[in-house]
Amino acid sequence: MVTTYISSIGSGSGMDYPDIDAWEIDTDHDLKAGGTDSIEIGEMYNDSTFDEIVVLAGNDGDETHYRWLRPAEGEGGDGTRSGAGVTIKPTSNGIVIHLLDDFIRLGMQGRPLLIERDGGANSDEGVRVADSTQAGLGIIIDSCFIWATNATADSDGIYGGPNDVGSATYPVVIQNCPIFGFDRAQIHSQNWSGGTAYDHYFRIVNCTLVGDDTAGQYGIGWRAGNAASTCNLVIKNVIIGNNDVDFGETSTGNGNVITTSSITNWDEDGTAPFGVGSMVLTDSKAPGSASLFSVHESISDDLSLVSNDDITSGDNDVLNTGTGPSTDSDVPTLDMLGITRSGTTCDPGAFQLEVAADPVISFRRRIMIV
């Protein structure tokens, strides 16, 4: 029988571990039935910023035996950068979080985790999955606000590199994640090795991927360098905007991108697969004009939705245009803040707009009296 162990991580008194690295080292073992037959959960507390480079590696698990790193209950943020709770923000250069084991879970619905890459060297990522020795089968990244400050060249929010990543049965799942401001791509499937054919499998659902209008920047970027290589990207209910290219090939390759089963996505430039339509995303330098997001003066801080959005097809509404969980089981039933998605439709992006009964309408953290 699987046993679940929950450990506290933080600098305060009474914590099981003082930092993530100590928890990672102590849980490096065979979690499967022949080993400890367990699930190891590390819960982070907001008593200080986690300023370390995080590498989760050396663990042997499967879909019922895994490690899960997440904020403790009540320790996550409110889904914005300024209202962050638990934060991982290294003081040294490098990839912020490198997920090397299969079936790792990072983040949890209702407990937003802020992951911030501040400057650093070229090609530093917010999160990197897999490497040449581990395909990262079944990794789940959920409800993480991944944010770039002073993004350096070729930096990506979430990155999979020149090796097999995921599988058809166990793709890397990215859901409920707002990602902002990385120089090259907010999510990058860079399967670029020329000498060997590899396959990438990502499922990207209800994410909000926003650039800072940098030249050459992508919302979702892909590259398959070998003629037999593939980037298999299932993209559902995703909002992409303010990038140079919202969806496209970051560099010329000979392989293929496959977007079968992608549905109901919104973008600015019409490049997203199986899109519902295009929209105008107000630039952060234009406060006061119509915007898709709650805080249009600083779209990097708050990427939750408002109603009556301006889109290019007229005064329509992006709300409720996504495919709901009762129609598609890939759609998570909770958003980043733990608000319920239900029925055949839902809002695209990481946030479900919560509307109360008249006479008060609640737009998440803002209240309007009608």
Protein backbone atom coordinates (compact mmCIF):
# COMPACT_ATOMS: atom_id res chain seq x y z
CA MET A 1 0.00 0.00 0.00
CA VAL A 2 1.36 3.41 -0.99
CA THR A 3 2.28 5.64 1.95
CA THR A 4 2.28 9.43 1.53
CA TYR A 5 4.88 11.42 3.45
CA ILE A 6 4.39 15.20 3.73
CA SER A 7 7.41 17.24 4.83
CA SER A 8 7.63 20.95 5.66
CA ILE A 9 10.33 23.07 4.00
CA GLY A 10 11.27 26.55 5.24
CA SER A 11 13.56 28.64 7.38
CA GLY A 12 11.19 28.93 10.35
CA SER A 13 11.39 26.89 13.53
CA GLY A 14 9.95 23.39 13.52
CA MET A 15 10.41 22.76 9.81
CA ASP A 16 11.46 19.30 8.63
CA TYR A 17 13.96 20.76 6.13
CA PRO A 18 15.62 24.20 5.91
CA ASP A 19 15.63 24.31 2.09
CA ILE A 20 14.50 22.41 -1.00
CA ASP A 21 17.92 20.88 -1.59
CA ALA A 22 17.90 19.14 1.81
CA TRP A 23 14.47 17.66 1.11
CA GLU A 24 15.56 16.60 -2.38
CA ILE A 25 18.63 14.76 -1.10
CA ASP A 26 16.68 12.96 1.63
CA THR A 27 14.00 11.73 -0.80
CA ASP A 28 16.38 10.42 -3.48
CA HIS A 29 15.43 6.76 -3.45
CA ASP A 30 13.29 4.09 -5.09
CA LEU A 31 9.69 5.12 -4.39
CA LYS A 32 8.11 2.13 -6.10
CA ALA A 33 6.63 -0.99 -4.47
CA GLY A 34 10.02 -2.69 -4.35
CA GLY A 35 11.45 0.31 -2.51
CA THR A 36 9.69 2.61 -0.04
CA ASP A 37 6.28 2.24 -1.80
CA SER A 38 5.61 5.91 -1.21
CA ILE A 39 4.75 9.41 -2.42
CA GLU A 40 7.06 12.15 -1.12
CA ILE A 41 5.48 15.62 -0.84
CA GLY A 42 7.58 18.65 0.03
CA GLU A 43 5.49 21.61 1.19
CA MET A 44 7.17 25.02 1.09
CA TYR A 45 6.39 27.79 3.58
CA ASN A 46 6.45 31.50 2.85
CA ASP A 47 8.81 32.38 5.69
CA SER A 48 11.56 33.42 3.25
CA THR A 49 12.35 33.41 -0.47
CA PHE A 50 13.84 30.16 -1.69
CA ASP A 51 16.98 31.57 -3.32
CA GLU A 52 18.44 28.26 -4.48
CA ILE A 53 18.86 26.53 -7.82
CA VAL A 54 16.56 23.48 -7.66
CA VAL A 55 17.46 20.14 -9.27
CA LEU A 56 15.13 17.17 -8.72
CA ALA A 57 17.02 14.07 -9.87
CA GLY A 58 18.07 10.60 -8.79
CA ASN A 59 14.64 9.32 -7.86
CA ASP A 60 12.94 6.17 -9.20
CA GLY A 61 9.16 6.44 -9.41
CA ASP A 62 6.10 5.84 -11.55
CA GLU A 63 2.60 7.30 -11.97
CA THR A 64 1.55 6.17 -8.45
CA HIS A 65 4.92 6.76 -6.75
CA TYR A 66 6.40 10.24 -7.21
CA ARG A 67 7.78 13.40 -5.65
CA TRP A 68 5.60 16.49 -5.41
CA LEU A 69 6.98 19.96 -4.61
CA ARG A 70 4.29 22.54 -3.77
CA PRO A 71 3.39 25.43 -1.45
CA ALA A 72 1.82 24.44 1.85
CA GLU A 73 -1.86 25.24 2.34
CA GLY A 74 -2.34 28.99 2.75
CA GLU A 75 1.27 29.71 1.73
CA GLY A 76 0.70 30.25 -2.01
CA GLY A 77 0.13 33.65 -3.55
CA ASP A 78 -2.89 35.30 -5.16
CA GLY A 79 -1.82 34.57 -8.73
CA THR A 80 0.04 37.86 -9.22
CA ARG A 81 3.70 38.72 -8.88
CA SER A 82 3.11 41.52 -6.39
CA GLY A 83 0.90 39.25 -4.28
CA ALA A 84 3.29 36.31 -4.36
CA GLY A 85 3.41 33.77 -1.58
CA VAL A 86 6.00 31.02 -1.81
CA THR A 87 8.68 32.19 -4.26
CA ILE A 88 11.66 30.41 -5.80
CA LYS A 89 14.13 33.06 -6.99
CA PRO A 90 17.82 32.08 -7.12
CA THR A 91 20.55 34.60 -6.45
CA SER A 92 22.97 32.81 -8.79
CA ASN A 93 22.91 32.11 -12.52
CA GLY A 94 21.42 28.90 -13.82
CA ILE A 95 18.18 27.12 -14.56
CA VAL A 96 15.79 27.91 -11.70
CA ILE A 97 14.24 24.43 -11.57
CA HIS A 98 15.50 21.35 -13.44
CA LEU A 99 13.09 18.40 -13.37
CA LEU A 100 15.00 15.27 -14.27
CA ASP A 101 12.93 12.47 -12.72
CA ASP A 102 9.86 10.90 -14.27
CA PHE A 103 6.42 11.72 -12.81
CA ILE A 104 7.51 14.73 -10.73
CA ARG A 105 4.73 17.17 -9.83
CA LEU A 106 5.47 20.86 -9.38
CA GLY A 107 2.83 23.23 -7.97
CA MET A 108 -0.80 22.74 -6.97
CA GLN A 109 -4.16 24.26 -7.87
CA GLY A 110 -5.29 26.78 -5.28
CA ARG A 111 -1.70 27.33 -4.08
CA PRO A 112 0.04 29.52 -6.70
CA LEU A 113 3.84 29.21 -6.80
CA LEU A 114 5.98 32.07 -8.16
CA ILE A 115 9.13 31.02 -10.02
CA GLU A 116 11.28 34.01 -10.98
CA ARG A 117 14.36 34.15 -13.19
CA ASP A 118 16.11 37.46 -12.58
CA GLY A 119 18.75 38.15 -15.22
CA GLY A 120 21.36 35.38 -15.26
CA ALA A 121 23.40 33.95 -18.10
CA ASN A 122 22.18 33.26 -21.62
CA SER A 123 19.88 30.25 -22.02
CA ASP A 124 18.88 30.18 -18.36
CA GLU A 125 15.32 28.88 -18.05
CA GLY A 126 12.56 29.12 -15.50
CA VAL A 127 11.94 25.37 -15.66
CA ARG A 128 13.79 22.75 -17.73
CA VAL A 129 12.35 19.26 -18.14
CA ALA A 130 14.33 16.09 -18.89
CA ASP A 131 17.85 15.67 -20.28
CA SER A 132 19.84 13.14 -22.31
CA THR A 133 19.43 10.46 -19.62
CA GLN A 134 15.82 10.99 -18.51
CA ALA A 135 12.77 11.75 -20.65
CA GLY A 136 10.71 13.28 -17.87
CA LEU A 137 7.75 10.98 -18.39
CA GLY A 138 4.50 12.21 -16.88
CA ILE A 139 5.87 15.41 -15.34
CA ILE A 140 3.07 17.79 -14.26
CA ILE A 141 3.70 21.53 -13.87
CA ASP A 142 0.55 23.10 -12.40
CA SER A 143 -0.39 26.59 -11.19
CA CYS A 144 3.09 28.11 -11.41
CA PHE A 145 3.50 31.81 -12.31
CA ILE A 146 6.85 31.76 -14.14
CA TRP A 147 8.21 35.29 -14.51
CA ALA A 148 11.33 36.78 -16.09
CA THR A 149 13.07 39.91 -14.84
CA ASN A 150 15.80 41.30 -17.13
CA ALA A 151 15.49 38.28 -19.42
CA THR A 152 18.74 37.28 -21.10
CA ALA A 153 19.23 36.00 -24.65
CA ASP A 154 17.74 32.60 -25.47
CA SER A 155 15.96 32.28 -22.13
CA ASP A 156 12.74 30.25 -21.98
CA GLY A 157 9.98 29.97 -19.40
CA ILE A 158 9.65 26.18 -19.74
CA TYR A 159 12.13 24.32 -21.92
CA GLY A 160 12.57 20.82 -23.32
CA GLY A 161 15.87 20.23 -25.10
CA PRO A 162 17.61 17.93 -27.62
CA ASN A 163 16.49 14.58 -26.23
CA ASP A 164 13.28 12.62 -25.85
CA VAL A 165 10.79 14.50 -23.68
CA GLY A 166 7.69 12.75 -22.37
CA SER A 167 5.89 10.09 -24.39
CA ALA A 168 2.56 9.59 -26.13
CA THR A 169 1.22 7.86 -22.99
CA TYR A 170 2.97 10.12 -20.48
CA PRO A 171 3.42 13.63 -21.93
CA VAL A 172 4.81 16.54 -19.97
CA VAL A 173 1.69 18.38 -18.77
CA ILE A 174 1.74 22.16 -18.28
CA GLN A 175 -1.54 23.57 -16.96
CA ASN A 176 -2.89 26.65 -15.18
CA CYS A 177 0.43 28.45 -15.68
CA PRO A 178 0.83 32.16 -16.48
CA ILE A 179 4.29 32.71 -17.99
CA PHE A 180 5.68 36.18 -18.75
CA GLY A 181 8.60 37.93 -20.34
CA PHE A 182 11.17 35.32 -21.37
CA ASP A 183 13.42 36.42 -24.22
CA ARG A 184 13.08 33.47 -26.61
CA ALA A 185 9.87 31.60 -25.75
CA GLN A 186 7.44 31.30 -22.88
CA ILE A 187 7.29 27.54 -23.64
CA HIS A 188 9.91 26.00 -25.94
CA SER A 189 10.02 22.51 -27.44
CA GLN A 190 13.54 22.73 -28.83
CA ASN A 191 14.15 19.28 -30.29
CA TRP A 192 17.07 20.52 -32.35
CA SER A 193 19.66 17.69 -32.44
CA GLY A 194 20.61 17.04 -36.06
CA GLY A 195 22.36 13.68 -35.71
CA THR A 196 19.71 11.77 -33.75
CA ALA A 197 15.92 11.71 -34.05
CA TYR A 198 14.01 12.51 -30.85
CA ASP A 199 10.36 13.01 -29.97
CA HIS A 200 8.81 15.62 -27.69
CA TYR A 201 5.36 15.27 -26.14
CA PHE A 202 3.83 18.27 -24.36
CA ARG A 203 0.22 18.88 -23.30
CA ILE A 204 -0.34 22.59 -22.63
CA VAL A 205 -3.77 23.40 -21.17
CA ASN A 206 -5.31 26.60 -19.78
CA CYS A 207 -2.09 28.61 -19.75
CA THR A 208 -1.60 32.36 -20.29
CA LEU A 209 1.62 33.07 -22.21
CA VAL A 210 2.53 36.74 -22.50
CA GLY A 211 5.67 38.34 -23.90
CA ASP A 212 7.06 41.83 -23.34
CA ASP A 213 7.10 42.60 -27.07
CA THR A 214 10.75 41.69 -27.60
CA ALA A 215 11.85 41.09 -31.19
CA GLY A 216 12.17 37.38 -31.95
CA GLN A 217 10.10 36.35 -28.94
CA TYR A 218 7.67 33.39 -29.11
CA GLY A 219 4.69 32.39 -27.02
CA ILE A 220 5.04 28.70 -27.82
CA GLY A 221 8.14 27.93 -29.88
CA TRP A 222 9.22 24.67 -31.45
CA ARG A 223 12.13 23.30 -33.45
CA ALA A 224 12.67 19.74 -34.74
CA GLY A 225 16.17 19.52 -36.20
CA ASN A 226 16.24 15.97 -37.55
CA ALA A 227 13.97 14.92 -40.40
CA ALA A 228 12.56 12.11 -38.22
CA SER A 229 12.16 14.26 -35.09
CA THR A 230 8.75 15.43 -33.90
CA CYS A 231 7.38 18.05 -31.54
CA ASN A 232 3.99 16.68 -30.48
CA LEU A 233 2.15 19.61 -28.91
CA VAL A 234 -1.43 19.35 -27.67
CA ILE A 235 -2.54 22.94 -26.94
CA LYS A 236 -5.95 23.63 -25.38
CA ASN A 237 -7.63 26.74 -23.95
CA VAL A 238 -4.40 28.75 -24.15
CA ILE A 239 -4.12 32.54 -24.38
CA ILE A 240 -0.98 33.80 -26.14
CA GLY A 241 -0.06 37.40 -26.83
CA ASN A 242 2.37 40.34 -26.88
CA ASN A 243 5.10 38.13 -28.38
CA ASP A 244 6.80 38.74 -31.71
CA VAL A 245 5.36 35.38 -32.88
CA ASP A 246 2.72 33.69 -30.74
CA PHE A 247 3.25 30.15 -32.11
CA GLY A 248 5.98 29.12 -34.49
CA GLU A 249 9.32 27.57 -35.39
CA THR A 250 12.12 29.27 -33.47
CA SER A 251 14.78 28.16 -35.96
CA THR A 252 14.70 26.25 -39.22
CA GLY A 253 14.69 22.46 -38.85
CA ASN A 254 13.82 19.40 -40.89
CA GLY A 255 11.39 17.71 -38.50
CA ASN A 256 7.69 18.14 -37.88
CA VAL A 257 5.38 19.80 -35.39
CA ILE A 258 2.16 17.88 -34.71
CA THR A 259 -0.73 19.70 -33.07
CA THR A 260 -3.51 17.11 -33.36
CA SER A 261 -6.25 17.47 -30.70
CA SER A 262 -5.41 21.14 -30.06
CA ILE A 263 -8.59 23.19 -29.46
CA THR A 264 -10.03 26.61 -28.55
CA ASN A 265 -6.93 28.81 -28.28
CA TRP A 266 -6.68 32.61 -28.48
CA ASP A 267 -3.74 34.58 -29.79
CA GLU A 268 -2.90 37.94 -31.34
CA ASP A 269 -1.35 37.00 -34.65
CA GLY A 270 -3.42 34.01 -35.79
CA THR A 271 -0.55 31.51 -35.55
CA ALA A 272 -1.94 29.36 -32.72
CA PRO A 273 -3.27 25.96 -33.83
CA PHE A 274 -7.03 25.43 -33.83
CA GLY A 275 -7.61 28.93 -32.55
CA VAL A 276 -11.01 30.38 -31.72
CA GLY A 277 -9.94 33.81 -32.91
CA SER A 278 -7.51 36.68 -32.58
CA MET A 279 -7.57 39.41 -29.97
CA VAL A 280 -5.92 42.70 -29.15
CA LEU A 281 -3.77 42.52 -26.04
CA THR A 282 -3.24 46.02 -24.70
CA ASP A 283 0.44 46.89 -24.33
CA SER A 284 1.60 47.47 -20.76
CA LYS A 285 2.59 51.03 -21.71
CA ALA A 286 -0.99 52.02 -22.51
CA PRO A 287 -2.85 52.27 -19.18
CA GLY A 288 -6.54 52.97 -19.31
CA SER A 289 -7.32 51.43 -22.67
CA ALA A 290 -9.26 48.20 -23.06
CA SER A 291 -7.32 45.12 -22.06
CA LEU A 292 -7.81 41.41 -21.78
CA PHE A 293 -6.27 41.41 -18.33
CA SER A 294 -7.29 42.81 -14.95
CA VAL A 295 -4.34 45.18 -14.49
CA HIS A 296 -3.60 46.61 -17.91
CA GLU A 297 -1.10 49.11 -16.52
CA SER A 298 1.17 46.17 -15.74
CA ILE A 299 0.10 43.07 -17.59
CA SER A 300 3.14 41.24 -16.31
CA ASP A 301 1.84 41.40 -12.74
CA ASP A 302 -1.78 40.27 -13.11
CA LEU A 303 -2.87 38.05 -16.00
CA SER A 304 -6.37 37.24 -14.77
CA LEU A 305 -9.27 38.04 -17.08
CA VAL A 306 -11.79 40.86 -17.15
CA SER A 307 -15.13 40.85 -18.95
CA ASN A 308 -16.07 42.73 -22.13
CA ASP A 309 -12.68 42.24 -23.69
CA ASP A 310 -11.78 44.00 -26.90
CA ILE A 311 -10.99 41.51 -29.61
CA THR A 312 -10.42 42.18 -33.26
CA SER A 313 -13.74 40.69 -34.33
CA GLY A 314 -15.60 43.38 -32.40
CA ASP A 315 -16.93 43.90 -28.89
CA ASN A 316 -17.08 40.22 -28.15
CA ASP A 317 -16.01 38.36 -25.06
CA VAL A 318 -13.22 35.83 -24.71
CA LEU A 319 -14.89 34.52 -21.58
CA ASN A 320 -16.50 31.08 -21.78
CA THR A 321 -15.01 30.33 -25.20
CA GLY A 322 -12.78 27.52 -23.93
CA THR A 323 -13.68 23.85 -23.89
CA GLY A 324 -14.92 22.76 -20.47
CA PRO A 325 -13.90 19.73 -18.39
CA SER A 326 -17.14 17.85 -18.97
CA THR A 327 -16.32 17.87 -22.70
CA ASP A 328 -12.57 17.26 -22.43
CA SER A 329 -11.03 15.45 -19.46
CA ASP A 330 -7.65 17.10 -20.15
CA VAL A 331 -9.09 20.40 -18.86
CA PRO A 332 -8.40 20.80 -15.12
CA THR A 333 -11.52 21.21 -12.98
CA LEU A 334 -9.83 23.91 -10.87
CA ASP A 335 -7.95 26.99 -12.05
CA MET A 336 -4.72 28.40 -10.62
CA LEU A 337 -6.54 29.94 -7.65
CA GLY A 338 -8.68 26.87 -6.97
CA ILE A 339 -11.81 28.28 -8.62
CA THR A 340 -14.00 25.60 -10.18
CA ARG A 341 -14.27 24.98 -13.90
CA SER A 342 -17.32 22.95 -14.87
CA GLY A 343 -19.63 22.21 -17.77
CA THR A 344 -18.98 22.14 -21.48
CA THR A 345 -17.27 25.55 -21.64
CA CYS A 346 -14.85 27.53 -19.49
CA ASP A 347 -12.59 30.57 -19.73
CA PRO A 348 -9.33 30.11 -21.63
CA GLY A 349 -6.08 30.82 -19.85
CA ALA A 350 -4.92 30.07 -16.32
CA PHE A 351 -7.78 31.90 -14.58
CA GLN A 352 -11.50 31.22 -14.46
CA LEU A 353 -13.39 34.48 -13.94
CA GLU A 354 -15.52 34.09 -10.83
CA VAL A 355 -18.87 35.86 -11.13
CA ALA A 356 -21.15 36.18 -8.11
CA ALA A 357 -24.93 36.64 -8.21
CA ASP A 358 -26.40 40.15 -8.66
CA PRO A 359 -26.19 42.81 -7.34
CA VAL A 360 -22.46 42.26 -6.74
CA ILE A 361 -20.16 40.92 -9.45
CA SER A 362 -16.77 39.74 -8.21
CA PHE A 363 -13.85 39.86 -10.63
CA ARG A 364 -11.38 37.88 -8.51
CA ARG A 365 -9.60 40.43 -6.36
CA ARG A 366 -11.75 43.35 -7.54
CA ILE A 367 -15.40 44.08 -6.73
CA MET A 368 -17.80 46.11 -8.83
CA ILE A 369 -21.15 47.30 -7.47
CA VAL A 370 -23.85 47.23 -10.16
